[in-house]
Amino acid sequence: MVRKRYTEEQIIGVLKESEAGAKTGELCRKHGMSEGTFYKWKAKYAGLSVNELKRLRSLEEENRRLKQIVAQQAMDSWALKELLSKNF
């Protein structure tokens, strides 16, 4: 089975079609996806616009980078404490 990758804009477009009244089965056949995929998308992206989704992605990326910085600082602090606690 061929696996397709959909952009976030395409996913939101499919969900908008569903909100407009299209039947789920017809949408899934039209776009070549399973109903399970549709419901996963609906749970994840329901109510979001393309702009909100892009903002969400950028905030998630920023959050990931900040967590890495905090982890690096904690590791540096731990290494310094270990170095200072050793008897010379």
C-alpha atoms as a PDB file:
ATOM      1  CA  MET A   1       0.000   0.000   0.000  1.00  0.00           C
ATOM      2  CA  VAL A   2       1.308   3.427  -0.936  1.00  0.00           C
ATOM      3  CA  ARG A   3       1.730   5.817   1.945  1.00  0.00           C
ATOM      4  CA  LYS A   4       0.917   9.446   1.225  1.00  0.00           C
ATOM      5  CA  ARG A   5       2.052  12.454   3.174  1.00  0.00           C
ATOM      6  CA  TYR A   6      -0.430  15.272   3.465  1.00  0.00           C
ATOM      7  CA  THR A   7       0.528  18.832   4.258  1.00  0.00           C
ATOM      8  CA  GLU A   8      -1.151  20.544   7.152  1.00  0.00           C
ATOM      9  CA  GLU A   9      -2.991  22.785   4.715  1.00  0.00           C
ATOM     10  CA  GLN A  10      -4.399  19.724   2.947  1.00  0.00           C
ATOM     11  CA  ILE A  11      -5.450  18.162   6.257  1.00  0.00           C
ATOM     12  CA  ILE A  12      -7.274  21.318   7.303  1.00  0.00           C
ATOM     13  CA  GLY A  13      -8.903  21.457   3.858  1.00  0.00           C
ATOM     14  CA  VAL A  14     -10.248  17.924   4.273  1.00  0.00           C
ATOM     15  CA  LEU A  15     -11.589  18.776   7.730  1.00  0.00           C
ATOM     16  CA  LYS A  16     -13.262  21.914   6.360  1.00  0.00           C
ATOM     17  CA  GLU A  17     -14.974  19.764   3.718  1.00  0.00           C
ATOM     18  CA  SER A  18     -16.241  17.526   6.496  1.00  0.00           C
ATOM     19  CA  GLU A  19     -17.564  20.503   8.447  1.00  0.00           C
ATOM     20  CA  ALA A  20     -19.335  21.681   5.292  1.00  0.00           C
ATOM     21  CA  GLY A  21     -21.397  18.508   5.321  1.00  0.00           C
ATOM     22  CA  ALA A  22     -19.515  15.946   3.251  1.00  0.00           C
ATOM     23  CA  LYS A  23     -19.791  12.360   4.436  1.00  0.00           C
ATOM     24  CA  THR A  24     -16.724  10.822   6.041  1.00  0.00           C
ATOM     25  CA  GLY A  25     -16.657   7.727   3.850  1.00  0.00           C
ATOM     26  CA  GLU A  26     -16.861   9.785   0.664  1.00  0.00           C
ATOM     27  CA  LEU A  27     -14.093  12.112   1.824  1.00  0.00           C
ATOM     28  CA  CYS A  28     -11.831   9.205   2.672  1.00  0.00           C
ATOM     29  CA  ARG A  29     -12.320   7.597  -0.745  1.00  0.00           C
ATOM     30  CA  LYS A  30     -11.852  10.919  -2.524  1.00  0.00           C
ATOM     31  CA  HIS A  31      -8.565  11.693  -0.740  1.00  0.00           C
ATOM     32  CA  GLY A  32      -7.295   8.106  -0.503  1.00  0.00           C
ATOM     33  CA  MET A  33      -7.075   7.699   3.254  1.00  0.00           C
ATOM     34  CA  SER A  34      -8.643   5.530   5.919  1.00  0.00           C
ATOM     35  CA  GLU A  35     -11.407   6.624   8.240  1.00  0.00           C
ATOM     36  CA  GLY A  36      -9.066   6.045  11.175  1.00  0.00           C
ATOM     37  CA  THR A  37      -6.677   8.606   9.749  1.00  0.00           C
ATOM     38  CA  PHE A  38      -9.530  11.048   9.283  1.00  0.00           C
ATOM     39  CA  TYR A  39     -10.611  10.720  12.913  1.00  0.00           C
ATOM     40  CA  LYS A  40      -7.023  11.102  14.147  1.00  0.00           C
ATOM     41  CA  TRP A  41      -6.736  14.294  12.135  1.00  0.00           C
ATOM     42  CA  LYS A  42     -10.066  15.482  13.467  1.00  0.00           C
ATOM     43  CA  ALA A  43      -8.965  14.911  17.055  1.00  0.00           C
ATOM     44  CA  LYS A  44      -5.678  16.701  16.495  1.00  0.00           C
ATOM     45  CA  TYR A  45      -6.551  19.560  14.136  1.00  0.00           C
ATOM     46  CA  ALA A  46     -10.256  20.239  14.727  1.00  0.00           C
ATOM     47  CA  GLY A  47     -11.043  23.931  14.896  1.00  0.00           C
ATOM     48  CA  LEU A  48      -7.605  25.152  13.797  1.00  0.00           C
ATOM     49  CA  SER A  49      -6.969  27.446  10.883  1.00  0.00           C
ATOM     50  CA  VAL A  50      -3.793  27.297   8.802  1.00  0.00           C
ATOM     51  CA  ASN A  51      -2.360  30.373  10.552  1.00  0.00           C
ATOM     52  CA  GLU A  52      -3.053  28.953  13.997  1.00  0.00           C
ATOM     53  CA  LEU A  53      -1.457  25.662  13.018  1.00  0.00           C
ATOM     54  CA  LYS A  54       1.702  27.379  11.763  1.00  0.00           C
ATOM     55  CA  ARG A  55       1.893  29.378  14.989  1.00  0.00           C
ATOM     56  CA  LEU A  56       1.426  26.197  17.019  1.00  0.00           C
ATOM     57  CA  ARG A  57       4.270  24.501  15.134  1.00  0.00           C
ATOM     58  CA  SER A  58       6.603  27.455  15.682  1.00  0.00           C
ATOM     59  CA  LEU A  59       5.767  27.548  19.401  1.00  0.00           C
ATOM     60  CA  GLU A  60       6.404  23.802  19.704  1.00  0.00           C
ATOM     61  CA  GLU A  61       9.792  24.238  18.011  1.00  0.00           C
ATOM     62  CA  GLU A  62      10.700  27.123  20.317  1.00  0.00           C
ATOM     63  CA  ASN A  63       9.631  25.082  23.348  1.00  0.00           C
ATOM     64  CA  ARG A  64      11.814  22.170  22.204  1.00  0.00           C
ATOM     65  CA  ARG A  65      14.852  24.450  21.840  1.00  0.00           C
ATOM     66  CA  LEU A  66      14.285  26.016  25.278  1.00  0.00           C
ATOM     67  CA  LYS A  67      14.032  22.571  26.877  1.00  0.00           C
ATOM     68  CA  GLN A  68      17.353  21.633  25.280  1.00  0.00           C
ATOM     69  CA  ILE A  69      18.973  24.777  26.680  1.00  0.00           C
ATOM     70  CA  VAL A  70      17.674  24.033  30.187  1.00  0.00           C
ATOM     71  CA  ALA A  71      18.871  20.435  29.970  1.00  0.00           C
ATOM     72  CA  GLN A  72      22.331  21.561  28.840  1.00  0.00           C
ATOM     73  CA  GLN A  73      22.581  24.063  31.692  1.00  0.00           C
ATOM     74  CA  ALA A  74      21.506  21.450  34.235  1.00  0.00           C
ATOM     75  CA  MET A  75      24.135  19.058  32.909  1.00  0.00           C
ATOM     76  CA  ASP A  76      26.834  21.757  33.074  1.00  0.00           C
ATOM     77  CA  SER A  77      25.825  22.592  36.651  1.00  0.00           C
ATOM     78  CA  TRP A  78      25.951  18.941  37.657  1.00  0.00           C
ATOM     79  CA  ALA A  79      29.398  18.514  36.052  1.00  0.00           C
ATOM     80  CA  LEU A  80      30.759  21.548  37.903  1.00  0.00           C
ATOM     81  CA  LYS A  81      29.402  20.285  41.236  1.00  0.00           C
ATOM     82  CA  GLU A  82      30.993  16.886  40.654  1.00  0.00           C
ATOM     83  CA  LEU A  83      34.308  18.472  39.746  1.00  0.00           C
ATOM     84  CA  LEU A  84      34.302  20.716  42.814  1.00  0.00           C
ATOM     85  CA  SER A  85      33.262  17.946  45.183  1.00  0.00           C
ATOM     86  CA  LYS A  86      36.317  15.790  44.401  1.00  0.00           C
ATOM     87  CA  ASN A  87      39.304  15.986  46.742  1.00  0.00           C
ATOM     88  CA  PHE A  88      42.495  17.128  45.113  1.00  0.00           C
END
